[in-house]
PDB file of N, CA and C in Angstrom:
ATOM      1  N   MET A   1      55.213 -62.852  70.154  1.00  0.00           N
ATOM      2  CA  MET A   1      54.152 -62.205  70.897  1.00  0.00           C
ATOM      3  C   MET A   1      53.980 -60.779  70.360  1.00  0.00           C
ATOM      4  N   SER A   2      52.845 -60.485  69.835  1.00  0.00           N
ATOM      5  CA  SER A   2      52.549 -59.177  69.268  1.00  0.00           C
ATOM      6  C   SER A   2      51.954 -58.260  70.336  1.00  0.00           C
ATOM      7  N   VAL A   3      52.417 -57.009  70.349  1.00  0.00           N
ATOM      8  CA  VAL A   3      51.877 -56.004  71.266  1.00  0.00           C
ATOM      9  C   VAL A   3      51.524 -54.767  70.456  1.00  0.00           C
ATOM     10  N   HIS A   4      50.705 -53.904  71.022  1.00  0.00           N
ATOM     11  CA  HIS A   4      50.348 -52.658  70.357  1.00  0.00           C
ATOM     12  C   HIS A   4      51.325 -51.562  70.751  1.00  0.00           C
ATOM     13  N   PHE A   5      51.711 -50.774  69.755  1.00  0.00           N
ATOM     14  CA  PHE A   5      52.634 -49.657  69.974  1.00  0.00           C
ATOM     15  C   PHE A   5      51.983 -48.398  69.415  1.00  0.00           C
ATOM     16  N   LYS A   6      51.835 -47.402  70.269  1.00  0.00           N
ATOM     17  CA  LYS A   6      51.245 -46.124  69.860  1.00  0.00           C
ATOM     18  C   LYS A   6      52.343 -45.238  69.275  1.00  0.00           C
ATOM     19  N   HIS A   7      52.187 -44.848  68.021  1.00  0.00           N
ATOM     20  CA  HIS A   7      53.177 -44.011  67.349  1.00  0.00           C
ATOM     21  C   HIS A   7      53.270 -42.649  68.030  1.00  0.00           C
ATOM     22  N   PRO A   8      54.493 -42.155  68.228  1.00  0.00           N
ATOM     23  CA  PRO A   8      54.613 -40.795  68.763  1.00  0.00           C
ATOM     24  C   PRO A   8      54.210 -39.775  67.697  1.00  0.00           C
ATOM     25  N   GLN A   9      53.764 -38.626  68.132  1.00  0.00           N
ATOM     26  CA  GLN A   9      53.392 -37.563  67.208  1.00  0.00           C
ATOM     27  C   GLN A   9      54.670 -36.951  66.633  1.00  0.00           C
ATOM     28  N   LEU A  10      54.771 -36.914  65.322  1.00  0.00           N
ATOM     29  CA  LEU A  10      55.963 -36.365  64.669  1.00  0.00           C
ATOM     30  C   LEU A  10      55.923 -34.846  64.650  1.00  0.00           C
ATOM     31  N   GLU A  11      57.110 -34.251  64.735  1.00  0.00           N
ATOM     32  CA  GLU A  11      57.290 -32.791  64.668  1.00  0.00           C
ATOM     33  C   GLU A  11      56.596 -32.037  65.804  1.00  0.00           C
ATOM     34  N   HIS A  12      56.310 -32.715  66.896  1.00  0.00           N
ATOM     35  CA  HIS A  12      55.668 -32.077  68.046  1.00  0.00           C
ATOM     36  C   HIS A  12      56.713 -31.957  69.166  1.00  0.00           C
ATOM     37  N   GLU A  13      57.163 -30.739  69.423  1.00  0.00           N
ATOM     38  CA  GLU A  13      58.173 -30.539  70.459  1.00  0.00           C
ATOM     39  C   GLU A  13      57.554 -30.652  71.840  1.00  0.00           C
ATOM     40  N   VAL A  14      58.257 -31.379  72.700  1.00  0.00           N
ATOM     41  CA  VAL A  14      57.850 -31.547  74.091  1.00  0.00           C
ATOM     42  C   VAL A  14      58.904 -30.851  74.946  1.00  0.00           C
ATOM     43  N   GLU A  15      58.449 -29.903  75.747  1.00  0.00           N
ATOM     44  CA  GLU A  15      59.381 -29.156  76.600  1.00  0.00           C
ATOM     45  C   GLU A  15      59.515 -29.821  77.961  1.00  0.00           C
ATOM     46  N   SER A  16      60.722 -29.733  78.498  1.00  0.00           N
ATOM     47  CA  SER A  16      60.974 -30.223  79.854  1.00  0.00           C
ATOM     48  C   SER A  16      61.692 -29.121  80.618  1.00  0.00           C
ATOM     49  N   ILE A  17      62.026 -29.403  81.832  1.00  0.00           N
ATOM     50  CA  ILE A  17      62.696 -28.400  82.655  1.00  0.00           C
ATOM     51  C   ILE A  17      64.084 -28.047  82.107  1.00  0.00           C
ATOM     52  N   SER A  18      64.699 -28.988  81.367  1.00  0.00           N
ATOM     53  CA  SER A  18      66.054 -28.733  80.880  1.00  0.00           C
ATOM     54  C   SER A  18      66.154 -28.504  79.380  1.00  0.00           C
ATOM     55  N   GLY A  19      65.068 -28.682  78.627  1.00  0.00           N
ATOM     56  CA  GLY A  19      65.165 -28.486  77.182  1.00  0.00           C
ATOM     57  C   GLY A  19      63.930 -28.947  76.445  1.00  0.00           C
ATOM     58  N   VAL A  20      64.158 -29.562  75.299  1.00  0.00           N
ATOM     59  CA  VAL A  20      63.066 -29.953  74.414  1.00  0.00           C
ATOM     60  C   VAL A  20      63.463 -31.214  73.648  1.00  0.00           C
ATOM     61  N   TYR A  21      62.440 -32.011  73.283  1.00  0.00           N
ATOM     62  CA  TYR A  21      62.696 -33.141  72.380  1.00  0.00           C
ATOM     63  C   TYR A  21      61.520 -33.288  71.437  1.00  0.00           C
ATOM     64  N   ALA A  22      61.781 -33.938  70.314  1.00  0.00           N
ATOM     65  CA  ALA A  22      60.726 -34.187  69.334  1.00  0.00           C
ATOM     66  C   ALA A  22      61.131 -35.361  68.450  1.00  0.00           C
ATOM     67  N   TYR A  23      60.137 -36.121  68.041  1.00  0.00           N
ATOM     68  CA  TYR A  23      60.357 -37.145  67.022  1.00  0.00           C
ATOM     69  C   TYR A  23      60.196 -36.467  65.671  1.00  0.00           C
ATOM     70  N   THR A  24      61.115 -36.734  64.745  1.00  0.00           N
ATOM     71  CA  THR A  24      61.079 -36.059  63.456  1.00  0.00           C
ATOM     72  C   THR A  24      60.594 -36.955  62.313  1.00  0.00           C
ATOM     73  N   TYR A  25      60.876 -38.255  62.388  1.00  0.00           N
ATOM     74  CA  TYR A  25      60.402 -39.133  61.324  1.00  0.00           C
ATOM     75  C   TYR A  25      60.345 -40.585  61.770  1.00  0.00           C
ATOM     76  N   GLU A  26      59.614 -41.332  60.977  1.00  0.00           N
ATOM     77  CA  GLU A  26      59.427 -42.771  61.178  1.00  0.00           C
ATOM     78  C   GLU A  26      60.309 -43.487  60.170  1.00  0.00           C
ATOM     79  N   LYS A  27      60.878 -44.619  60.571  1.00  0.00           N
ATOM     80  CA  LYS A  27      61.785 -45.355  59.688  1.00  0.00           C
ATOM     81  C   LYS A  27      61.519 -46.845  59.815  1.00  0.00           C
ATOM     82  N   ARG A  28      61.640 -47.552  58.716  1.00  0.00           N
ATOM     83  CA  ARG A  28      61.549 -49.011  58.712  1.00  0.00           C
ATOM     84  C   ARG A  28      62.886 -49.555  58.234  1.00  0.00           C
ATOM     85  N   LEU A  29      63.408 -50.511  58.982  1.00  0.00           N
ATOM     86  CA  LEU A  29      64.699 -51.106  58.653  1.00  0.00           C
ATOM     87  C   LEU A  29      64.546 -52.605  58.427  1.00  0.00           C
ATOM     88  N   PRO A  30      65.139 -53.133  57.356  1.00  0.00           N
ATOM     89  CA  PRO A  30      65.105 -54.586  57.174  1.00  0.00           C
ATOM     90  C   PRO A  30      66.117 -55.257  58.108  1.00  0.00           C
ATOM     91  N   VAL A  31      65.648 -56.227  58.875  1.00  0.00           N
ATOM     92  CA  VAL A  31      66.511 -56.987  59.791  1.00  0.00           C
ATOM     93  C   VAL A  31      66.023 -58.434  59.803  1.00  0.00           C
ATOM     94  N   ASP A  32      66.899 -59.364  59.434  1.00  0.00           N
ATOM     95  CA  ASP A  32      66.582 -60.798  59.475  1.00  0.00           C
ATOM     96  C   ASP A  32      65.282 -61.139  58.746  1.00  0.00           C
ATOM     97  N   ASP A  33      65.131 -60.671  57.528  1.00  0.00           N
ATOM     98  CA  ASP A  33      63.941 -60.948  56.710  1.00  0.00           C
ATOM     99  C   ASP A  33      62.650 -60.423  57.339  1.00  0.00           C
ATOM    100  N   LYS A  34      62.785 -59.494  58.259  1.00  0.00           N
ATOM    101  CA  LYS A  34      61.642 -58.830  58.877  1.00  0.00           C
ATOM    102  C   LYS A  34      61.861 -57.338  58.735  1.00  0.00           C
ATOM    103  N   GLU A  35      60.924 -56.563  59.262  1.00  0.00           N
ATOM    104  CA  GLU A  35      61.034 -55.117  59.193  1.00  0.00           C
ATOM    105  C   GLU A  35      60.889 -54.533  60.595  1.00  0.00           C
ATOM    106  N   ILE A  36      61.841 -53.686  60.961  1.00  0.00           N
ATOM    107  CA  ILE A  36      61.819 -52.995  62.253  1.00  0.00           C
ATOM    108  C   ILE A  36      61.134 -51.641  62.062  1.00  0.00           C
ATOM    109  N   LEU A  37      60.235 -51.291  62.972  1.00  0.00           N
ATOM    110  CA  LEU A  37      59.603 -49.979  62.970  1.00  0.00           C
ATOM    111  C   LEU A  37      60.278 -49.147  64.055  1.00  0.00           C
ATOM    112  N   CYS A  38      60.815 -47.999  63.664  1.00  0.00           N
ATOM    113  CA  CYS A  38      61.437 -47.133  64.670  1.00  0.00           C
ATOM    114  C   CYS A  38      61.133 -45.674  64.365  1.00  0.00           C
ATOM    115  N   PHE A  39      61.361 -44.850  65.374  1.00  0.00           N
ATOM    116  CA  PHE A  39      61.075 -43.430  65.292  1.00  0.00           C
ATOM    117  C   PHE A  39      62.330 -42.666  65.697  1.00  0.00           C
ATOM    118  N   ILE A  40      62.700 -41.689  64.879  1.00  0.00           N
ATOM    119  CA  ILE A  40      63.932 -40.930  65.075  1.00  0.00           C
ATOM    120  C   ILE A  40      63.570 -39.524  65.548  1.00  0.00           C
ATOM    121  N   GLY A  41      64.374 -39.013  66.479  1.00  0.00           N
ATOM    122  CA  GLY A  41      64.115 -37.677  66.993  1.00  0.00           C
ATOM    123  C   GLY A  41      65.379 -36.991  67.471  1.00  0.00           C
ATOM    124  N   TYR A  42      65.197 -35.826  68.042  1.00  0.00           N
ATOM    125  CA  TYR A  42      66.308 -35.069  68.603  1.00  0.00           C
ATOM    126  C   TYR A  42      65.937 -34.598  70.004  1.00  0.00           C
ATOM    127  N   ALA A  43      66.963 -34.387  70.792  1.00  0.00           N
ATOM    128  CA  ALA A  43      66.797 -33.813  72.133  1.00  0.00           C
ATOM    129  C   ALA A  43      67.824 -32.701  72.281  1.00  0.00           C
ATOM    130  N   ILE A  44      67.388 -31.593  72.866  1.00  0.00           N
ATOM    131  CA  ILE A  44      68.278 -30.462  73.103  1.00  0.00           C
ATOM    132  C   ILE A  44      68.135 -30.052  74.556  1.00  0.00           C
ATOM    133  N   ALA A  45      69.259 -30.051  75.255  1.00  0.00           N
ATOM    134  CA  ALA A  45      69.286 -29.554  76.635  1.00  0.00           C
ATOM    135  C   ALA A  45      69.849 -28.136  76.562  1.00  0.00           C
ATOM    136  N   ASN A  46      68.969 -27.161  76.587  1.00  0.00           N
ATOM    137  CA  ASN A  46      69.419 -25.768  76.469  1.00  0.00           C
ATOM    138  C   ASN A  46      68.957 -24.895  77.636  1.00  0.00           C
ATOM    139  N   LYS A  47      68.350 -25.514  78.643  1.00  0.00           N
ATOM    140  CA  LYS A  47      67.895 -24.766  79.815  1.00  0.00           C
ATOM    141  C   LYS A  47      68.473 -25.349  81.098  1.00  0.00           C
ATOM    142  N   SER A  48      69.492 -26.154  80.948  1.00  0.00           N
ATOM    143  CA  SER A  48      70.057 -26.869  82.090  1.00  0.00           C
ATOM    144  C   SER A  48      71.126 -26.033  82.779  1.00  0.00           C
ATOM    145  N   CYS A  49      71.234 -26.190  84.082  1.00  0.00           N
ATOM    146  CA  CYS A  49      72.278 -25.492  84.829  1.00  0.00           C
ATOM    147  C   CYS A  49      73.651 -26.109  84.547  1.00  0.00           C
ATOM    148  N   CYS A  50      73.667 -27.278  83.968  1.00  0.00           N
ATOM    149  CA  CYS A  50      74.923 -28.008  83.712  1.00  0.00           C
ATOM    150  C   CYS A  50      75.503 -27.728  82.339  1.00  0.00           C
ATOM    151  N   GLY A  51      74.867 -26.883  81.538  1.00  0.00           N
ATOM    152  CA  GLY A  51      75.369 -26.579  80.207  1.00  0.00           C
ATOM    153  C   GLY A  51      74.363 -26.959  79.143  1.00  0.00           C
ATOM    154  N   VAL A  52      74.806 -26.869  77.898  1.00  0.00           N
ATOM    155  CA  VAL A  52      73.922 -27.172  76.780  1.00  0.00           C
ATOM    156  C   VAL A  52      74.459 -28.379  76.014  1.00  0.00           C
ATOM    157  N   GLY A  53      73.567 -29.019  75.269  1.00  0.00           N
ATOM    158  CA  GLY A  53      73.959 -30.156  74.448  1.00  0.00           C
ATOM    159  C   GLY A  53      72.755 -30.689  73.711  1.00  0.00           C
ATOM    160  N   GLY A  54      72.999 -31.704  72.934  1.00  0.00           N
ATOM    161  CA  GLY A  54      71.902 -32.296  72.199  1.00  0.00           C
ATOM    162  C   GLY A  54      72.317 -33.622  71.598  1.00  0.00           C
ATOM    163  N   CYS A  55      71.342 -34.344  71.096  1.00  0.00           N
ATOM    164  CA  CYS A  55      71.636 -35.625  70.463  1.00  0.00           C
ATOM    165  C   CYS A  55      70.461 -36.059  69.604  1.00  0.00           C
ATOM    166  N   MET A  56      70.740 -36.982  68.722  1.00  0.00           N
ATOM    167  CA  MET A  56      69.703 -37.670  67.955  1.00  0.00           C
ATOM    168  C   MET A  56      69.419 -38.968  68.695  1.00  0.00           C
ATOM    169  N   PHE A  57      68.149 -39.385  68.710  1.00  0.00           N
ATOM    170  CA  PHE A  57      67.806 -40.628  69.388  1.00  0.00           C
ATOM    171  C   PHE A  57      66.799 -41.418  68.558  1.00  0.00           C
ATOM    172  N   ALA A  58      66.676 -42.679  68.882  1.00  0.00           N
ATOM    173  CA  ALA A  58      65.710 -43.552  68.203  1.00  0.00           C
ATOM    174  C   ALA A  58      64.974 -44.381  69.239  1.00  0.00           C
ATOM    175  N   THR A  59      63.694 -44.565  68.998  1.00  0.00           N
ATOM    176  CA  THR A  59      62.893 -45.512  69.764  1.00  0.00           C
ATOM    177  C   THR A  59      62.511 -46.629  68.798  1.00  0.00           C
ATOM    178  N   VAL A  60      62.942 -47.842  69.109  1.00  0.00           N
ATOM    179  CA  VAL A  60      62.633 -48.996  68.272  1.00  0.00           C
ATOM    180  C   VAL A  60      61.370 -49.642  68.822  1.00  0.00           C
ATOM    181  N   ALA A  61      60.300 -49.578  68.029  1.00  0.00           N
ATOM    182  CA  ALA A  61      59.031 -50.166  68.456  1.00  0.00           C
ATOM    183  C   ALA A  61      59.121 -51.688  68.458  1.00  0.00           C
ATOM    184  N   GLY A  62      59.732 -52.251  67.433  1.00  0.00           N
ATOM    185  CA  GLY A  62      59.879 -53.694  67.327  1.00  0.00           C
ATOM    186  C   GLY A  62      59.707 -54.164  65.894  1.00  0.00           C
ATOM    187  N   PHE A  63      59.626 -55.478  65.729  1.00  0.00           N
ATOM    188  CA  PHE A  63      59.387 -56.057  64.408  1.00  0.00           C
ATOM    189  C   PHE A  63      57.940 -55.782  64.022  1.00  0.00           C
ATOM    190  N   LEU A  64      57.756 -55.139  62.897  1.00  0.00           N
ATOM    191  CA  LEU A  64      56.422 -54.750  62.461  1.00  0.00           C
ATOM    192  C   LEU A  64      55.600 -55.979  62.080  1.00  0.00           C
ATOM    193  N   GLN A  65      54.466 -56.161  62.750  1.00  0.00           N
ATOM    194  CA  GLN A  65      53.548 -57.247  62.447  1.00  0.00           C
ATOM    195  C   GLN A  65      52.421 -56.747  61.541  1.00  0.00           C
ATOM    196  N   GLU A  66      51.827 -55.607  61.933  1.00  0.00           N
ATOM    197  CA  GLU A  66      50.767 -54.993  61.132  1.00  0.00           C
ATOM    198  C   GLU A  66      50.763 -53.497  61.405  1.00  0.00           C
ATOM    199  N   TYR A  67      50.854 -52.716  60.334  1.00  0.00           N
ATOM    200  CA  TYR A  67      50.907 -51.267  60.449  1.00  0.00           C
ATOM    201  C   TYR A  67      49.501 -50.698  60.602  1.00  0.00           C
ATOM    202  N   ALA A  68      49.336 -49.765  61.514  1.00  0.00           N
ATOM    203  CA  ALA A  68      48.075 -49.040  61.718  1.00  0.00           C
ATOM    204  C   ALA A  68      46.886 -49.975  61.918  1.00  0.00           C
ATOM    205  N   VAL A  69      46.976 -50.823  62.939  1.00  0.00           N
ATOM    206  CA  VAL A  69      45.863 -51.740  63.233  1.00  0.00           C
ATOM    207  C   VAL A  69      44.654 -50.992  63.775  1.00  0.00           C
ATOM    208  N   GLN A  70      44.904 -49.825  64.370  1.00  0.00           N
ATOM    209  CA  GLN A  70      43.799 -49.005  64.853  1.00  0.00           C
ATOM    210  C   GLN A  70      44.254 -47.571  65.020  1.00  0.00           C
ATOM    211  N   LYS A  71      43.303 -46.682  65.188  1.00  0.00           N
ATOM    212  CA  LYS A  71      43.577 -45.274  65.454  1.00  0.00           C
ATOM    213  C   LYS A  71      42.986 -44.919  66.803  1.00  0.00           C
ATOM    214  N   GLU A  72      43.669 -44.020  67.486  1.00  0.00           N
ATOM    215  CA  GLU A  72      43.206 -43.518  68.777  1.00  0.00           C
ATOM    216  C   GLU A  72      43.333 -42.005  68.720  1.00  0.00           C
ATOM    217  N   GLY A  73      42.236 -41.341  68.388  1.00  0.00           N
ATOM    218  CA  GLY A  73      42.303 -39.896  68.173  1.00  0.00           C
ATOM    219  C   GLY A  73      43.150 -39.620  66.940  1.00  0.00           C
ATOM    220  N   ASP A  74      44.207 -38.815  67.120  1.00  0.00           N
ATOM    221  CA  ASP A  74      45.124 -38.520  66.021  1.00  0.00           C
ATOM    222  C   ASP A  74      46.282 -39.515  65.956  1.00  0.00           C
ATOM    223  N   SER A  75      46.309 -40.475  66.848  1.00  0.00           N
ATOM    224  CA  SER A  75      47.430 -41.416  66.926  1.00  0.00           C
ATOM    225  C   SER A  75      47.158 -42.705  66.165  1.00  0.00           C
ATOM    226  N   ILE A  76      48.227 -43.245  65.631  1.00  0.00           N
ATOM    227  CA  ILE A  76      48.199 -44.542  64.957  1.00  0.00           C
ATOM    228  C   ILE A  76      48.763 -45.582  65.915  1.00  0.00           C
ATOM    229  N   ILE A  77      48.181 -46.764  65.901  1.00  0.00           N
ATOM    230  CA  ILE A  77      48.676 -47.871  66.720  1.00  0.00           C
ATOM    231  C   ILE A  77      48.998 -49.030  65.790  1.00  0.00           C
ATOM    232  N   SER A  78      50.216 -49.556  65.914  1.00  0.00           N
ATOM    233  CA  SER A  78      50.645 -50.684  65.096  1.00  0.00           C
ATOM    234  C   SER A  78      50.918 -51.889  65.974  1.00  0.00           C
ATOM    235  N   ALA A  79      50.815 -53.067  65.380  1.00  0.00           N
ATOM    236  CA  ALA A  79      51.154 -54.313  66.079  1.00  0.00           C
ATOM    237  C   ALA A  79      52.621 -54.625  65.800  1.00  0.00           C
ATOM    238  N   VAL A  80      53.389 -54.805  66.861  1.00  0.00           N
ATOM    239  CA  VAL A  80      54.814 -55.103  66.735  1.00  0.00           C
ATOM    240  C   VAL A  80      55.186 -56.260  67.667  1.00  0.00           C
ATOM    241  N   GLU A  81      56.300 -56.875  67.343  1.00  0.00           N
ATOM    242  CA  GLU A  81      56.897 -57.880  68.230  1.00  0.00           C
ATOM    243  C   GLU A  81      58.154 -57.246  68.813  1.00  0.00           C
ATOM    244  N   PRO A  82      58.213 -57.032  70.127  1.00  0.00           N
ATOM    245  CA  PRO A  82      59.389 -56.398  70.717  1.00  0.00           C
ATOM    246  C   PRO A  82      60.673 -57.169  70.408  1.00  0.00           C
ATOM    247  N   VAL A  83      61.771 -56.439  70.302  1.00  0.00           N
ATOM    248  CA  VAL A  83      63.075 -57.043  70.044  1.00  0.00           C
ATOM    249  C   VAL A  83      63.689 -57.412  71.385  1.00  0.00           C
ATOM    250  N   SER A  84      63.778 -58.697  71.667  1.00  0.00           N
ATOM    251  CA  SER A  84      64.293 -59.129  72.968  1.00  0.00           C
ATOM    252  C   SER A  84      65.697 -59.729  72.882  1.00  0.00           C
ATOM    253  N   ASP A  85      66.102 -60.182  71.715  1.00  0.00           N
ATOM    254  CA  ASP A  85      67.399 -60.818  71.541  1.00  0.00           C
ATOM    255  C   ASP A  85      68.529 -59.776  71.605  1.00  0.00           C
ATOM    256  N   THR A  86      69.491 -59.995  72.477  1.00  0.00           N
ATOM    257  CA  THR A  86      70.570 -59.035  72.701  1.00  0.00           C
ATOM    258  C   THR A  86      71.402 -58.798  71.450  1.00  0.00           C
ATOM    259  N   SER A  87      71.762 -59.838  70.738  1.00  0.00           N
ATOM    260  CA  SER A  87      72.601 -59.649  69.543  1.00  0.00           C
ATOM    261  C   SER A  87      71.845 -58.905  68.443  1.00  0.00           C
ATOM    262  N   THR A  88      70.550 -59.146  68.313  1.00  0.00           N
ATOM    263  CA  THR A  88      69.746 -58.416  67.331  1.00  0.00           C
ATOM    264  C   THR A  88      69.663 -56.951  67.723  1.00  0.00           C
ATOM    265  N   ARG A  89      69.481 -56.675  68.993  1.00  0.00           N
ATOM    266  CA  ARG A  89      69.455 -55.286  69.466  1.00  0.00           C
ATOM    267  C   ARG A  89      70.778 -54.586  69.147  1.00  0.00           C
ATOM    268  N   GLN A  90      71.885 -55.277  69.365  1.00  0.00           N
ATOM    269  CA  GLN A  90      73.200 -54.680  69.098  1.00  0.00           C
ATOM    270  C   GLN A  90      73.378 -54.371  67.615  1.00  0.00           C
ATOM    271  N   ARG A  91      72.903 -55.255  66.740  1.00  0.00           N
ATOM    272  CA  ARG A  91      73.005 -55.014  65.298  1.00  0.00           C
ATOM    273  C   ARG A  91      72.141 -53.825  64.882  1.00  0.00           C
ATOM    274  N   ILE A  92      70.946 -53.714  65.459  1.00  0.00           N
ATOM    275  CA  ILE A  92      70.061 -52.586  65.146  1.00  0.00           C
ATOM    276  C   ILE A  92      70.696 -51.279  65.624  1.00  0.00           C
ATOM    277  N   GLU A  93      71.244 -51.298  66.821  1.00  0.00           N
ATOM    278  CA  GLU A  93      71.919 -50.103  67.344  1.00  0.00           C
ATOM    279  C   GLU A  93      73.061 -49.693  66.429  1.00  0.00           C
ATOM    280  N   ALA A  94      73.860 -50.660  65.961  1.00  0.00           N
ATOM    281  CA  ALA A  94      74.985 -50.357  65.079  1.00  0.00           C
ATOM    282  C   ALA A  94      74.504 -49.738  63.765  1.00  0.00           C
ATOM    283  N   MET A  95      73.406 -50.249  63.218  1.00  0.00           N
ATOM    284  CA  MET A  95      72.843 -49.692  61.983  1.00  0.00           C
ATOM    285  C   MET A  95      72.407 -48.237  62.194  1.00  0.00           C
ATOM    286  N   LEU A  96      71.754 -47.972  63.305  1.00  0.00           N
ATOM    287  CA  LEU A  96      71.264 -46.626  63.581  1.00  0.00           C
ATOM    288  C   LEU A  96      72.404 -45.666  63.901  1.00  0.00           C
ATOM    289  N   ARG A  97      73.438 -46.141  64.563  1.00  0.00           N
ATOM    290  CA  ARG A  97      74.584 -45.282  64.887  1.00  0.00           C
ATOM    291  C   ARG A  97      75.303 -44.813  63.614  1.00  0.00           C
ATOM    292  N   LEU A  98      75.263 -45.627  62.559  1.00  0.00           N
ATOM    293  CA  LEU A  98      75.857 -45.218  61.282  1.00  0.00           C
ATOM    294  C   LEU A  98      75.158 -43.985  60.708  1.00  0.00           C
ATOM    295  N   GLU A  99      73.943 -43.728  61.149  1.00  0.00           N
ATOM    296  CA  GLU A  99      73.180 -42.564  60.706  1.00  0.00           C
ATOM    297  C   GLU A  99      73.319 -41.379  61.666  1.00  0.00           C
ATOM    298  N   GLY A 100      74.211 -41.500  62.637  1.00  0.00           N
ATOM    299  CA  GLY A 100      74.453 -40.404  63.573  1.00  0.00           C
ATOM    300  C   GLY A 100      73.549 -40.409  64.798  1.00  0.00           C
ATOM    301  N   ILE A 101      72.853 -41.473  65.028  1.00  0.00           N
ATOM    302  CA  ILE A 101      71.957 -41.562  66.180  1.00  0.00           C
ATOM    303  C   ILE A 101      72.763 -42.061  67.377  1.00  0.00           C
ATOM    304  N   GLN A 102      72.783 -41.277  68.448  1.00  0.00           N
ATOM    305  CA  GLN A 102      73.619 -41.594  69.607  1.00  0.00           C
ATOM    306  C   GLN A 102      72.909 -42.481  70.635  1.00  0.00           C
ATOM    307  N   GLN A 103      71.606 -42.345  70.780  1.00  0.00           N
ATOM    308  CA  GLN A 103      70.888 -43.110  71.800  1.00  0.00           C
ATOM    309  C   GLN A 103      69.791 -43.930  71.146  1.00  0.00           C
ATOM    310  N   VAL A 104      69.734 -45.217  71.513  1.00  0.00           N
ATOM    311  CA  VAL A 104      68.722 -46.116  70.975  1.00  0.00           C
ATOM    312  C   VAL A 104      67.997 -46.776  72.141  1.00  0.00           C
ATOM    313  N   GLN A 105      66.684 -46.653  72.134  1.00  0.00           N
ATOM    314  CA  GLN A 105      65.855 -47.291  73.163  1.00  0.00           C
ATOM    315  C   GLN A 105      64.948 -48.294  72.490  1.00  0.00           C
ATOM    316  N   PHE A 106      64.692 -49.408  73.177  1.00  0.00           N
ATOM    317  CA  PHE A 106      63.824 -50.455  72.652  1.00  0.00           C
ATOM    318  C   PHE A 106      62.551 -50.484  73.468  1.00  0.00           C
ATOM    319  N   HIS A 107      61.423 -50.530  72.768  1.00  0.00           N
ATOM    320  CA  HIS A 107      60.117 -50.604  73.404  1.00  0.00           C
ATOM    321  C   HIS A 107      59.984 -51.975  74.074  1.00  0.00           C
ATOM    322  N   ALA A 108      59.541 -51.975  75.303  1.00  0.00           N
ATOM    323  CA  ALA A 108      59.308 -53.223  76.029  1.00  0.00           C
ATOM    324  C   ALA A 108      57.817 -53.520  76.010  1.00  0.00           C
ATOM    325  N   ALA A 109      57.488 -54.777  76.023  1.00  0.00           N
ATOM    326  CA  ALA A 109      56.077 -55.190  75.996  1.00  0.00           C
ATOM    327  C   ALA A 109      55.345 -54.732  77.225  1.00  0.00           C
TER     328      ALA A 109
END
């Protein structure tokens, strides 16, 4: 089942009450003779009453079906198949953790 995924804006910092986050780059990973589309970023909690910290994170859009099927303003939208299989998700997380990424989120349909 293919769904549309709106690419996050790269290098655009988003501020929150406790800090900031931004996506820094887009990455494609080969998995099971398919290609995973994901976005890597950082989060910094530097305004929190509980202390400071930070991490690298990834949002996995899914198995890439078609790149840039449409544009919406400055945004690109791609067709992806969400990753629903638990063991596949675990393998993708393990691959990303080898690159120092601490948090991995999967896009849901």
